[in-house]
Amino acid sequence: MTLTNFVTIKSKNGMHLRPAGILSQIASKSDYYDIGIFLLYDGIRADAKSVFNVMGLGAFYGASLLLEVEYEEKDSDIAHKAFEDLNEFFESGYQNAEVPDDSK
């Protein structure tokens, strides 16, 4: 199964190293191990769990990317949580981006 949404790069600096690293940290959380998280941009599909793949997209300010979360039915709740976290990351423009702490 797949959840998809278009997300926009809202930071004037584009998807530089810091937000790409934070995005990869979110996507790589141990809870999300069994789901696939990908970004598609300009014909390239990148694994969001890899900071190098995210940086390799070359997404600049205003770019529209397709966010995909692939999962099996048994991982539905986890996939929806990941999808929510990642959409929030892009929606906020990651101006004060931090990895969400679910331990609170």
Protein backbone atom coordinates (compact mmCIF):
# COMPACT_ATOMS: atom_id res chain seq x y z
CA MET A 1 0.00 0.00 0.00
CA THR A 2 1.18 3.54 -0.61
CA LEU A 3 0.40 6.96 0.85
CA THR A 4 1.30 9.90 -1.40
CA ASN A 5 1.26 13.66 -1.17
CA PHE A 6 2.91 16.54 -2.98
CA VAL A 7 5.16 18.60 -0.72
CA THR A 8 6.85 21.91 -1.49
CA ILE A 9 10.30 23.15 -0.54
CA LYS A 10 9.45 26.32 1.38
CA SER A 11 12.89 27.31 2.64
CA LYS A 12 14.68 29.96 0.57
CA ASN A 13 17.83 27.85 0.96
CA GLY A 14 16.23 24.79 -0.62
CA MET A 15 16.91 21.27 0.61
CA HIS A 16 20.40 21.86 1.95
CA LEU A 17 22.39 19.53 4.21
CA ARG A 18 20.80 20.36 7.57
CA PRO A 19 17.15 19.79 6.60
CA ALA A 20 18.11 16.81 4.42
CA GLY A 21 19.83 15.31 7.46
CA ILE A 22 16.84 15.93 9.71
CA LEU A 23 14.46 14.53 7.09
CA SER A 24 16.62 11.42 6.87
CA GLN A 25 16.67 11.10 10.67
CA ILE A 26 12.87 11.26 10.78
CA ALA A 27 12.56 8.71 7.96
CA SER A 28 15.13 6.43 9.63
CA LYS A 29 13.46 6.26 13.05
CA SER A 30 13.48 2.69 14.30
CA ASP A 31 9.66 2.64 14.29
CA TYR A 32 9.76 3.24 10.53
CA TYR A 33 12.25 0.47 9.74
CA ASP A 34 9.76 -1.74 7.87
CA ILE A 35 8.26 0.98 5.67
CA GLY A 36 9.67 2.60 2.54
CA ILE A 37 9.86 6.39 2.45
CA PHE A 38 10.70 8.02 -0.88
CA LEU A 39 10.79 11.43 -2.54
CA LEU A 40 10.31 11.86 -6.28
CA TYR A 41 11.58 14.97 -8.04
CA ASP A 42 12.38 15.68 -11.66
CA GLY A 43 12.18 12.00 -12.61
CA ILE A 44 14.44 10.84 -9.77
CA ARG A 45 13.23 8.65 -6.89
CA ALA A 46 15.26 8.96 -3.71
CA ASP A 47 15.17 6.91 -0.52
CA ALA A 48 14.42 9.52 2.16
CA LYS A 49 16.33 7.44 4.72
CA SER A 50 19.58 8.44 2.97
CA VAL A 51 20.77 12.02 3.36
CA PHE A 52 22.91 11.58 0.22
CA ASN A 53 19.91 10.46 -1.84
CA VAL A 54 17.85 13.42 -0.59
CA MET A 55 20.67 15.87 -1.37
CA GLY A 56 21.09 14.23 -4.78
CA LEU A 57 17.62 15.37 -5.79
CA GLY A 58 18.86 18.96 -6.04
CA ALA A 59 15.49 20.31 -4.90
CA PHE A 60 15.48 24.10 -4.64
CA TYR A 61 13.07 26.65 -3.18
CA GLY A 62 9.58 26.21 -4.62
CA ALA A 63 10.20 22.68 -5.89
CA SER A 64 7.28 20.28 -5.67
CA LEU A 65 8.19 16.74 -4.65
CA LEU A 66 6.05 13.65 -4.39
CA LEU A 67 6.30 12.05 -0.96
CA GLU A 68 5.61 8.30 -0.95
CA VAL A 69 5.27 6.04 2.08
CA GLU A 70 5.10 2.37 1.11
CA TYR A 71 3.96 -0.20 3.63
CA GLU A 72 2.28 -3.53 4.20
CA GLU A 73 -1.15 -3.61 5.80
CA LYS A 74 0.25 -4.78 9.14
CA ASP A 75 2.29 -1.53 9.33
CA SER A 76 -0.62 0.80 8.56
CA ASP A 77 -0.59 2.74 11.85
CA ILE A 78 3.18 3.26 11.74
CA ALA A 79 3.04 4.34 8.08
CA HIS A 80 0.32 6.90 8.78
CA LYS A 81 2.37 8.32 11.68
CA ALA A 82 5.46 8.59 9.44
CA PHE A 83 3.37 10.23 6.73
CA GLU A 84 2.04 12.75 9.26
CA ASP A 85 5.54 13.51 10.63
CA LEU A 86 7.00 14.03 7.16
CA ASN A 87 4.14 16.20 5.91
CA GLU A 88 4.50 18.36 9.05
CA PHE A 89 8.24 18.65 8.37
CA PHE A 90 7.58 20.08 4.90
CA GLU A 91 4.53 22.12 5.93
CA SER A 92 6.51 23.99 8.59
CA GLY A 93 9.12 24.89 5.99
CA TYR A 94 11.58 23.22 8.36
CA GLN A 95 12.67 26.63 9.61
CA ASN A 96 13.20 25.26 13.12
CA ALA A 97 13.41 21.65 12.06
CA GLU A 98 13.93 19.11 14.79
CA VAL A 99 13.51 15.38 14.87
CA PRO A 100 10.17 14.67 16.64
CA ASP A 101 10.62 13.16 20.09
CA ASP A 102 7.87 10.62 20.66
CA SER A 103 9.10 9.78 24.17
CA LYS A 104 7.14 12.67 25.74
